[in-house]
Amino acid sequence: MSPSNSPSQVRSVGMALWFSPRGGSAQVARYLGQALQDHGVAVELAVGSLGPVGALGNAETFFGGRIPLAPMAYDQAVADWHAGADPMDSAVPLHPSYEFKPDVPDRVLTDVSAEQLAHAVRAWTRHLAAAPGFAQSDVLHIHHLGVLQLAARAAAPNAPIVTHVHGTELKLLEEIERGTPGVADQPHVAAAVALLREAAAASDAFVTNSPHDRDEAVRLLGIDPDVTHGLTNGVDVERFAPLPLTGAEQHAHWRRWLVEDPRGWDSATGEPGSIRADEVDVDRCFAPIDGEPRTVLLFVGRFLRFKRVPLLVRAYARAREHFHETAPLVIWGGAPGEWEGEHPHDVARELGVGDVFFAGWRGHDELPLGLACSAGLVAPSVDEPFGQVYLEAMASERALIGTTTGGPPSFINVHEGAPDGWLVAPDDEAALADALVAMVNDPVERRARGANGLTHVRAQFAWSAVAERFLEVYASVLR
């Protein structure tokens, strides 16, 4: 699609992201913003930022000049928290979290008062109004429900708002509904629900990442299904592609990730590098006779409850005795110091299971190499809102193991006779173990499913094609 035939001549899009860049929504903002610019659409992204240039949460570092930015620095709010003050009362208040995490500056949204949320709206209104590339855009694309819809409506009252519901806000509402401890028993539940519903009411259209989340958004927020669009995210098929590496090259990468620059962290310290492998551990990833790579299983993601990483460790312990060959499990991810429920390293230690290694949180730019050094992705999340990493693994020609819930079933194994991986029932440790055994012990089938995934993702999920579908949504709200 060229600029001359963009739907209804959408010329500019103002994006906003409440959080400092870290998770999947930041990746979506980066890739979608680039793809829109390739279609001739001007984009400016107002986004939180944390830390100096080079830090994980620094917006300029994360986006790397790919999109014009209007960063909102949270450093003083975090410094205030360390000094014993409330970061929500800072001049630039920190964003809350949709998840309950003890002893962190970004506490759960249900523990933030209505007055503090109003203060955040005012701060973001000033910021958005001062960002001309945002406030003067044809359409505003806001990632996540929260204060930004209200701030955008105040800063640019005539611009239509498309809200991108990434799913974590829906999980918060579900936990309130279920009475989940740590979330539903906080003092400001009513204020949190009121904010999310008011943000939804300020929006003209919605995008969700899967049919499952579209239905949940309609149910939980009471929004109009006619303006709620289920659009999948895309994948960078140039960055994520089959990457043949020699055994020596793979050995060098695993040595760097696990020994030379270890970033795995334990529950006692939360410090990157507190889990460190050695040369013997690295050698477990390779056959002792010829040095050829073994079947390395890879998990990628945060240590959130719905990711079910402890379940994965337990299923791996059960499956390991049935493998025909050594097949290490590498846990890649876990934002330092952040976890819900059991820490997966504690589970591995308590079970005494070997060959489970922790690579820690690493930059997204390294993930193509991580996938290339693995044989398949294992991610048994329950009700995963979408699952960007599944697409990235498919684009890297890696077979998958996921569950029959959430977003993944909408794009995994959707072509009859050409499965991309194994989908198992949620929270079924035995079924997950069986899938691990199948992935390890049948390399021919594993490679065939990886090849199927590569074909599917290139045909349907390249960001250029996904951007066209977003432009159609933007056109539908133009006044």
Protein backbone atom coordinates (compact mmCIF):
# COMPACT_ATOMS: atom_id res chain seq x y z
CA MET A 1 0.00 0.00 0.00
CA SER A 2 1.40 3.40 -0.96
CA PRO A 3 0.55 6.75 0.67
CA SER A 4 -1.65 7.61 -2.30
CA ASN A 5 -4.10 4.79 -1.60
CA SER A 6 -3.97 4.66 2.19
CA PRO A 7 -7.53 4.31 3.53
CA SER A 8 -9.19 7.75 3.76
CA GLN A 9 -5.75 9.36 3.54
CA VAL A 10 -4.61 8.67 7.09
CA ARG A 11 -1.54 10.89 7.10
CA SER A 12 -0.42 10.87 10.72
CA VAL A 13 -0.83 8.73 13.83
CA GLY A 14 0.00 9.76 17.37
CA MET A 15 0.87 6.76 19.51
CA ALA A 16 1.15 6.64 23.28
CA LEU A 17 2.44 3.97 25.67
CA TRP A 18 2.04 4.46 29.43
CA PHE A 19 4.94 2.20 30.35
CA SER A 20 8.66 2.47 29.89
CA PRO A 21 9.59 0.06 27.07
CA ARG A 22 10.12 -3.51 28.19
CA GLY A 23 7.42 -5.99 27.21
CA GLY A 24 5.48 -7.04 24.17
CA SER A 25 3.41 -3.86 23.77
CA ALA A 26 6.61 -1.83 23.33
CA GLN A 27 7.74 -4.24 20.61
CA VAL A 28 4.38 -3.81 18.89
CA ALA A 29 4.66 -0.02 19.07
CA ARG A 30 8.15 -0.15 17.58
CA TYR A 31 7.38 -2.50 14.71
CA LEU A 32 3.95 -1.08 13.89
CA GLY A 33 5.31 2.46 14.00
CA GLN A 34 8.04 1.54 11.54
CA ALA A 35 5.60 -0.25 9.23
CA LEU A 36 3.22 2.72 9.23
CA GLN A 37 6.09 5.03 8.32
CA ASP A 38 6.95 2.67 5.46
CA HIS A 39 3.38 3.24 4.25
CA GLY A 40 3.96 7.00 4.22
CA VAL A 41 2.21 7.74 7.53
CA ALA A 42 3.87 10.11 10.01
CA VAL A 43 4.16 8.65 13.52
CA GLU A 44 5.16 10.10 16.88
CA LEU A 45 5.24 7.97 20.02
CA ALA A 46 4.73 9.44 23.50
CA VAL A 47 6.20 6.86 25.86
CA GLY A 48 7.48 6.37 29.37
CA SER A 49 11.22 6.13 29.87
CA LEU A 50 13.37 4.91 32.73
CA GLY A 51 17.11 5.00 33.19
CA PRO A 52 19.98 6.55 31.25
CA VAL A 53 20.74 5.86 27.61
CA GLY A 54 21.73 2.22 27.37
CA ALA A 55 19.38 1.05 30.15
CA LEU A 56 16.69 -1.54 29.42
CA GLY A 57 13.83 0.88 30.09
CA ASN A 58 15.28 3.90 28.30
CA ALA A 59 12.98 4.85 25.42
CA GLU A 60 15.68 6.25 23.15
CA THR A 61 17.76 3.11 23.57
CA PHE A 62 14.83 0.76 23.00
CA PHE A 63 13.43 2.47 19.91
CA GLY A 64 16.84 3.33 18.53
CA GLY A 65 15.76 6.26 16.38
CA ARG A 66 13.23 4.19 14.46
CA ILE A 67 10.26 6.37 15.50
CA PRO A 68 10.11 10.04 16.57
CA LEU A 69 9.65 10.01 20.35
CA ALA A 70 8.20 12.20 23.09
CA PRO A 71 9.61 10.42 26.18
CA MET A 72 8.21 10.90 29.69
CA ALA A 73 10.99 10.24 32.24
CA TYR A 74 10.09 8.27 35.36
CA ASP A 75 13.54 8.44 36.98
CA GLN A 76 12.62 10.94 39.68
CA ALA A 77 9.54 8.94 40.67
CA VAL A 78 11.67 5.81 41.15
CA ALA A 79 14.26 7.84 43.09
CA ASP A 80 11.45 9.15 45.30
CA TRP A 81 10.34 5.58 45.99
CA HIS A 82 13.85 4.58 47.03
CA ALA A 83 13.84 7.59 49.38
CA GLY A 84 10.61 6.40 51.00
CA ALA A 85 8.15 8.65 49.17
CA ASP A 86 5.17 7.61 47.06
CA PRO A 87 6.15 7.54 43.35
CA MET A 88 2.54 8.23 42.41
CA ASP A 89 2.83 11.63 44.09
CA SER A 90 5.94 12.69 42.14
CA ALA A 91 5.74 15.56 39.66
CA VAL A 92 5.88 12.92 36.92
CA PRO A 93 4.10 10.00 38.61
CA LEU A 94 5.21 6.47 37.80
CA HIS A 95 2.86 4.20 35.93
CA PRO A 96 1.20 1.52 38.11
CA SER A 97 1.18 -2.15 37.11
CA TYR A 98 -1.64 -4.43 36.01
CA GLU A 99 0.00 -7.20 38.05
CA PHE A 100 0.56 -7.52 41.78
CA LYS A 101 4.29 -7.38 42.61
CA PRO A 102 5.40 -6.75 46.20
CA ASP A 103 8.15 -4.28 47.11
CA VAL A 104 8.43 -2.58 43.73
CA PRO A 105 7.86 1.08 42.80
CA ASP A 106 5.18 0.29 40.19
CA ARG A 107 2.57 -1.20 42.50
CA VAL A 108 -0.66 -2.73 41.28
CA LEU A 109 -3.29 -0.36 39.87
CA THR A 110 -5.86 -1.36 42.49
CA ASP A 111 -3.57 0.16 45.14
CA VAL A 112 -3.54 3.62 43.53
CA SER A 113 -6.06 6.21 44.69
CA ALA A 114 -8.45 8.13 42.45
CA GLU A 115 -6.62 11.36 43.38
CA GLN A 116 -3.28 9.91 42.30
CA LEU A 117 -4.77 8.70 39.02
CA ALA A 118 -6.18 12.17 38.40
CA HIS A 119 -2.71 13.60 39.07
CA ALA A 120 -1.27 11.19 36.47
CA VAL A 121 -3.91 12.28 33.94
CA ARG A 122 -2.94 15.93 34.42
CA ALA A 123 0.77 15.18 34.06
CA TRP A 124 0.24 13.21 30.86
CA THR A 125 -2.18 15.83 29.47
CA ARG A 126 0.57 18.45 29.72
CA HIS A 127 3.06 16.10 28.14
CA LEU A 128 0.84 15.09 25.22
CA ALA A 129 -0.26 18.66 24.53
CA ALA A 130 3.41 19.69 24.28
CA ALA A 131 4.15 16.95 21.71
CA PRO A 132 2.88 18.45 18.44
CA GLY A 133 3.53 15.28 16.45
CA PHE A 134 1.10 13.52 18.79
CA ALA A 135 -1.55 16.13 19.53
CA GLN A 136 -1.99 17.21 15.90
CA SER A 137 -2.25 13.72 14.44
CA ASP A 138 -5.23 12.48 12.41
CA VAL A 139 -5.72 9.48 14.69
CA LEU A 140 -4.44 8.61 18.17
CA HIS A 141 -3.39 5.02 18.85
CA ILE A 142 -3.14 4.38 22.61
CA HIS A 143 -1.52 1.19 23.88
CA HIS A 144 -3.26 -0.23 26.97
CA LEU A 145 -6.23 1.14 28.88
CA GLY A 146 -5.48 3.69 31.59
CA VAL A 147 -4.83 7.36 32.14
CA LEU A 148 -3.64 8.01 28.57
CA GLN A 149 -7.09 7.93 26.99
CA LEU A 150 -8.28 10.64 29.38
CA ALA A 151 -5.11 12.68 28.89
CA ALA A 152 -5.32 12.33 25.10
CA ARG A 153 -8.95 13.39 25.07
CA ALA A 154 -7.98 16.53 27.02
CA ALA A 155 -4.85 17.28 24.97
CA ALA A 156 -6.40 16.60 21.54
CA PRO A 157 -10.19 16.75 21.96
CA ASN A 158 -10.99 16.41 18.25
CA ALA A 159 -8.78 13.45 17.43
CA PRO A 160 -10.37 9.97 17.39
CA ILE A 161 -8.82 7.43 19.74
CA VAL A 162 -8.10 3.80 18.89
CA THR A 163 -7.26 1.86 22.04
CA HIS A 164 -5.03 -1.19 21.74
CA VAL A 165 -6.00 -3.60 24.51
CA HIS A 166 -2.93 -5.80 24.92
CA GLY A 167 -4.56 -8.12 27.44
CA THR A 168 -2.88 -7.48 30.78
CA GLU A 169 -5.55 -4.94 31.69
CA LEU A 170 -8.18 -7.61 30.96
CA LYS A 171 -6.36 -10.03 33.23
CA LEU A 172 -6.49 -7.41 36.00
CA LEU A 173 -10.27 -7.14 35.60
CA GLU A 174 -10.55 -10.93 35.60
CA GLU A 175 -8.56 -11.13 38.84
CA ILE A 176 -10.80 -8.50 40.41
CA GLU A 177 -13.78 -10.55 39.29
CA ARG A 178 -12.29 -13.72 40.81
CA GLY A 179 -11.21 -12.00 44.03
CA THR A 180 -7.52 -12.80 43.53
CA PRO A 181 -5.44 -11.91 46.62
CA GLY A 182 -2.98 -9.08 46.06
CA VAL A 183 -5.22 -7.54 43.41
CA ALA A 184 -8.86 -7.69 44.49
CA ASP A 185 -8.15 -6.98 48.16
CA GLN A 186 -6.36 -3.67 47.59
CA PRO A 187 -7.97 -0.42 48.85
CA HIS A 188 -8.67 1.24 45.50
CA VAL A 189 -10.29 -1.46 43.40
CA ALA A 190 -13.26 0.79 42.59
CA ALA A 191 -10.96 3.56 41.36
CA ALA A 192 -9.08 1.13 39.11
CA VAL A 193 -12.25 -0.28 37.56
CA ALA A 194 -13.67 3.22 37.11
CA LEU A 195 -10.48 4.35 35.36
CA LEU A 196 -10.48 1.44 32.91
CA ARG A 197 -14.14 1.88 32.09
CA GLU A 198 -13.77 5.66 31.69
CA ALA A 199 -10.76 5.10 29.41
CA ALA A 200 -12.84 2.69 27.34
CA ALA A 201 -15.69 5.21 27.13
CA ALA A 202 -13.23 7.83 25.82
CA SER A 203 -12.19 5.53 22.96
CA ASP A 204 -13.73 5.42 19.50
CA ALA A 205 -12.54 1.93 18.55
CA PHE A 206 -10.59 -0.95 20.02
CA VAL A 207 -8.02 -3.43 18.83
CA THR A 208 -7.38 -6.70 20.63
CA ASN A 209 -4.71 -9.25 19.80
CA SER A 210 -6.92 -12.33 19.47
CA PRO A 211 -10.57 -13.40 19.14
CA HIS A 212 -10.43 -14.57 22.77
CA ASP A 213 -9.41 -11.14 24.02
CA ARG A 214 -11.98 -9.46 21.79
CA ASP A 215 -14.74 -11.42 23.48
CA GLU A 216 -13.25 -10.75 26.93
CA ALA A 217 -12.94 -7.01 26.27
CA VAL A 218 -16.59 -6.81 25.22
CA ARG A 219 -17.67 -8.78 28.29
CA LEU A 220 -15.51 -7.06 30.91
CA LEU A 221 -15.71 -3.48 29.64
CA GLY A 222 -19.19 -3.44 28.12
CA ILE A 223 -17.85 -1.97 24.88
CA ASP A 224 -19.51 -2.09 21.49
CA PRO A 225 -18.48 -5.26 19.63
CA ASP A 226 -19.02 -3.48 16.30
CA VAL A 227 -16.05 -1.19 16.96
CA THR A 228 -13.87 -3.86 18.59
CA HIS A 229 -11.45 -5.41 16.13
CA GLY A 230 -9.47 -8.59 16.68
CA LEU A 231 -6.17 -7.99 14.89
CA THR A 232 -3.09 -10.12 15.33
CA ASN A 233 0.29 -8.51 15.78
CA GLY A 234 2.99 -9.03 13.19
CA VAL A 235 6.57 -10.19 13.14
CA ASP A 236 9.77 -8.81 11.64
CA VAL A 237 10.40 -11.50 9.04
CA GLU A 238 13.76 -10.00 8.16
CA ARG A 239 15.16 -9.98 11.70
CA PHE A 240 13.48 -13.26 12.65
CA ALA A 241 14.39 -15.76 9.97
CA PRO A 242 16.13 -19.13 9.73
CA LEU A 243 19.71 -18.54 10.81
CA PRO A 244 22.07 -21.48 10.30
CA LEU A 245 24.85 -21.47 12.89
CA THR A 246 27.72 -23.90 13.25
CA GLY A 247 28.17 -25.87 16.45
CA ALA A 248 31.17 -23.70 17.32
CA GLU A 249 29.13 -20.53 16.84
CA GLN A 250 26.33 -21.85 19.03
CA HIS A 251 28.82 -22.91 21.70
CA ALA A 252 30.26 -19.40 21.76
CA HIS A 253 26.80 -17.85 22.19
CA TRP A 254 25.75 -20.19 25.01
CA ARG A 255 29.09 -19.63 26.73
CA ARG A 256 28.57 -15.87 26.57
CA TRP A 257 24.95 -16.02 27.78
CA LEU A 258 25.46 -18.53 30.59
CA VAL A 259 29.09 -18.09 31.71
CA GLU A 260 30.76 -14.90 30.51
CA ASP A 261 27.79 -12.54 30.85
CA PRO A 262 25.29 -14.38 33.07
CA ARG A 263 22.04 -12.54 33.72
CA GLY A 264 19.99 -15.25 35.39
CA TRP A 265 18.83 -14.16 38.83
CA ASP A 266 17.57 -15.88 41.94
CA SER A 267 14.72 -15.09 44.28
CA ALA A 268 17.07 -14.25 47.14
CA THR A 269 18.75 -11.30 45.45
CA GLY A 270 16.91 -10.52 42.22
CA GLU A 271 20.31 -9.52 40.87
CA PRO A 272 21.33 -10.43 37.30
CA GLY A 273 24.26 -12.81 37.45
CA SER A 274 23.27 -14.38 40.77
CA ILE A 275 22.63 -17.58 38.77
CA ARG A 276 25.80 -18.55 36.95
CA ALA A 277 26.52 -21.63 34.84
CA ASP A 278 29.95 -23.10 34.12
CA GLU A 279 31.76 -24.67 31.17
CA VAL A 280 30.41 -28.12 32.00
CA ASP A 281 26.86 -26.75 31.79
CA VAL A 282 27.53 -25.24 28.37
CA ASP A 283 28.96 -28.54 27.17
CA ARG A 284 25.65 -30.22 28.09
CA CYS A 285 24.15 -28.41 25.09
CA PHE A 286 26.44 -30.33 22.71
CA ALA A 287 27.15 -33.97 21.91
CA PRO A 288 30.41 -35.08 23.56
CA ILE A 289 31.80 -36.95 20.54
CA ASP A 290 31.30 -34.61 17.57
CA GLY A 291 30.26 -31.38 19.32
CA GLU A 292 27.02 -31.15 17.38
CA PRO A 293 24.24 -29.12 19.05
CA ARG A 294 21.77 -31.06 21.13
CA THR A 295 18.03 -30.39 21.25
CA VAL A 296 17.87 -27.26 23.39
CA LEU A 297 14.36 -26.31 24.51
CA LEU A 298 13.77 -22.58 25.00
CA PHE A 299 11.28 -20.63 27.10
CA VAL A 300 11.12 -16.86 26.50
CA GLY A 301 9.11 -14.46 28.63
CA ARG A 302 8.47 -12.83 31.97
CA PHE A 303 7.92 -14.76 35.19
CA LEU A 304 4.24 -13.88 35.44
CA ARG A 305 1.73 -16.33 36.86
CA PHE A 306 -0.09 -16.93 33.59
CA LYS A 307 3.17 -17.84 31.84
CA ARG A 308 3.28 -21.06 33.95
CA VAL A 309 7.09 -21.29 34.09
CA PRO A 310 7.07 -23.38 37.32
CA LEU A 311 4.68 -25.81 35.59
CA LEU A 312 7.11 -26.02 32.68
CA VAL A 313 10.00 -26.90 35.01
CA ARG A 314 7.92 -29.63 36.65
CA ALA A 315 6.82 -31.05 33.30
CA TYR A 316 10.41 -30.99 32.09
CA ALA A 317 11.51 -32.92 35.18
CA ARG A 318 8.85 -35.54 34.37
CA ALA A 319 9.71 -35.70 30.65
CA ARG A 320 13.49 -35.72 31.00
CA GLU A 321 13.77 -39.40 31.93
CA HIS A 322 11.99 -40.32 28.67
CA PHE A 323 14.24 -38.31 26.32
CA HIS A 324 16.34 -40.33 23.88
CA GLU A 325 19.11 -37.76 24.25
CA THR A 326 20.12 -34.94 26.56
CA ALA A 327 17.89 -31.94 25.89
CA PRO A 328 18.58 -28.91 28.13
CA LEU A 329 15.88 -26.39 28.98
CA VAL A 330 16.95 -22.74 28.85
CA ILE A 331 14.76 -20.16 30.61
CA TRP A 332 15.35 -16.92 28.70
CA GLY A 333 13.80 -13.86 30.33
CA GLY A 334 12.33 -12.79 33.61
CA ALA A 335 12.67 -9.05 34.22
CA PRO A 336 15.17 -8.76 37.11
CA GLY A 337 13.48 -9.04 40.49
CA GLU A 338 9.99 -9.56 39.01
CA TRP A 339 8.05 -12.78 39.49
CA GLU A 340 4.62 -13.99 40.56
CA GLY A 341 4.03 -17.15 42.54
CA GLU A 342 6.96 -19.58 42.64
CA HIS A 343 10.29 -18.58 41.20
CA PRO A 344 11.16 -21.19 38.55
CA HIS A 345 14.76 -21.44 39.77
CA ASP A 346 13.47 -22.37 43.24
CA VAL A 347 11.30 -25.07 41.68
CA ALA A 348 14.23 -26.52 39.71
CA ARG A 349 16.40 -26.52 42.83
CA GLU A 350 13.73 -28.14 45.00
CA LEU A 351 13.13 -30.88 42.41
CA GLY A 352 16.86 -31.39 41.93
CA VAL A 353 16.34 -31.43 38.17
CA GLY A 354 19.45 -30.93 36.05
CA ASP A 355 19.96 -29.29 32.66
CA VAL A 356 17.73 -26.28 33.47
CA PHE A 357 19.65 -23.07 32.77
CA PHE A 358 18.70 -19.42 33.28
CA ALA A 359 19.90 -16.91 30.69
CA GLY A 360 18.13 -13.95 32.29
CA TRP A 361 16.59 -10.90 30.67
CA ARG A 362 18.37 -10.04 27.45
CA GLY A 363 17.77 -7.51 24.70
CA HIS A 364 15.27 -8.30 22.00
CA ASP A 365 18.03 -7.90 19.44
CA GLU A 366 19.67 -11.06 20.81
CA LEU A 367 16.53 -13.20 20.59
CA PRO A 368 17.02 -14.23 16.93
CA LEU A 369 20.34 -15.77 17.98
CA GLY A 370 18.72 -17.42 20.99
CA LEU A 371 16.09 -19.01 18.79
CA ALA A 372 18.73 -20.07 16.26
CA CYS A 373 20.63 -21.85 19.06
CA SER A 374 17.52 -23.74 20.16
CA ALA A 375 15.45 -26.55 18.68
CA GLY A 376 12.00 -25.33 19.70
CA LEU A 377 10.05 -22.86 21.81
CA VAL A 378 8.10 -24.08 24.84
CA ALA A 379 5.63 -21.57 26.30
CA PRO A 380 2.71 -23.15 28.20
CA SER A 381 0.96 -19.87 29.05
CA VAL A 382 -2.70 -19.97 30.04
CA ASP A 383 -4.84 -17.36 28.31
CA GLU A 384 -1.83 -15.67 26.73
CA PRO A 385 -3.28 -12.40 25.35
CA PHE A 386 -1.44 -12.88 22.07
CA GLY A 387 2.10 -14.27 22.17
CA GLN A 388 4.52 -12.28 20.03
CA VAL A 389 7.36 -14.67 20.73
CA TYR A 390 5.42 -17.55 19.16
CA LEU A 391 5.40 -15.69 15.84
CA GLU A 392 9.09 -14.87 16.22
CA ALA A 393 9.85 -18.54 16.79
CA MET A 394 7.76 -19.53 13.77
CA ALA A 395 9.60 -16.99 11.62
CA SER A 396 12.85 -18.57 12.87
CA GLU A 397 11.59 -21.99 11.70
CA ARG A 398 11.21 -23.33 15.20
CA ALA A 399 8.39 -25.64 16.27
CA LEU A 400 6.26 -24.63 19.24
CA ILE A 401 4.60 -25.99 22.33
CA GLY A 402 1.72 -23.90 23.67
CA THR A 403 -1.74 -24.38 25.14
CA THR A 404 -5.24 -24.40 23.71
CA THR A 405 -6.11 -21.10 25.42
CA GLY A 406 -5.79 -17.40 24.64
CA GLY A 407 -4.26 -16.06 21.46
CA PRO A 408 -1.95 -18.84 20.19
CA PRO A 409 -4.70 -21.19 18.91
CA SER A 410 -5.79 -18.38 16.57
CA PHE A 411 -2.54 -18.69 14.61
CA ILE A 412 -0.93 -22.03 15.59
CA ASN A 413 -2.13 -25.21 13.85
CA VAL A 414 -4.80 -23.31 11.92
CA HIS A 415 -3.91 -24.98 8.59
CA GLU A 416 -5.29 -28.48 8.33
CA GLY A 417 -2.60 -31.06 7.81
CA ALA A 418 0.23 -28.59 8.41
CA PRO A 419 0.69 -28.13 12.18
CA ASP A 420 3.19 -25.59 13.50
CA GLY A 421 3.66 -27.27 16.86
CA TRP A 422 1.93 -28.98 19.77
CA LEU A 423 -1.02 -27.43 21.64
CA VAL A 424 -1.88 -29.02 24.98
CA ALA A 425 -4.61 -28.48 27.54
CA PRO A 426 -3.89 -25.70 30.03
CA ASP A 427 -2.28 -26.65 33.36
CA ASP A 428 -1.96 -30.28 32.28
CA GLU A 429 1.53 -31.21 33.47
CA ALA A 430 1.35 -34.73 32.03
CA ALA A 431 0.23 -33.53 28.59
CA LEU A 432 2.95 -30.89 28.58
CA ALA A 433 5.54 -33.53 29.48
CA ASP A 434 4.30 -35.73 26.64
CA ALA A 435 4.64 -32.83 24.19
CA LEU A 436 8.19 -32.21 25.38
CA VAL A 437 9.03 -35.86 24.78
CA ALA A 438 7.50 -35.71 21.29
CA MET A 439 9.44 -32.57 20.40
CA VAL A 440 12.75 -34.02 21.61
CA ASN A 441 12.42 -37.61 20.40
CA ASP A 442 10.99 -36.97 16.91
CA PRO A 443 13.36 -34.54 15.16
CA VAL A 444 11.81 -35.18 11.75
CA GLU A 445 8.36 -34.12 12.94
CA ARG A 446 9.84 -31.21 14.91
CA ARG A 447 11.58 -29.85 11.83
CA ALA A 448 8.46 -30.35 9.69
CA ARG A 449 6.35 -28.34 12.11
CA GLY A 450 8.99 -25.64 12.20
CA ALA A 451 8.94 -25.44 8.41
CA ASN A 452 5.14 -25.19 8.42
CA GLY A 453 5.32 -22.29 10.87
CA LEU A 454 7.81 -20.44 8.69
CA THR A 455 5.53 -20.75 5.66
CA HIS A 456 2.47 -19.57 7.60
CA VAL A 457 4.08 -16.60 9.29
CA ARG A 458 5.68 -15.22 6.15
CA ALA A 459 2.37 -15.39 4.29
CA GLN A 460 0.15 -13.83 6.95
CA PHE A 461 2.06 -11.97 9.66
CA ALA A 462 4.65 -9.71 8.07
CA TRP A 463 4.32 -6.25 9.63
CA SER A 464 3.65 -4.56 6.28
CA ALA A 465 0.43 -6.55 5.85
CA VAL A 466 -0.55 -6.05 9.50
CA ALA A 467 -0.08 -2.27 9.16
CA GLU A 468 -2.59 -2.23 6.32
CA ARG A 469 -5.21 -3.76 8.60
CA PHE A 470 -4.50 -1.11 11.26
CA LEU A 471 -4.86 1.63 8.66
CA GLU A 472 -8.34 0.30 7.89
CA VAL A 473 -9.25 0.59 11.57
CA TYR A 474 -7.86 4.14 11.72
CA ALA A 475 -9.91 5.07 8.64
CA SER A 476 -13.08 3.78 10.29
CA VAL A 477 -12.84 6.36 13.10
CA LEU A 478 -11.87 9.43 11.08
CA ARG A 479 -14.41 12.18 11.55
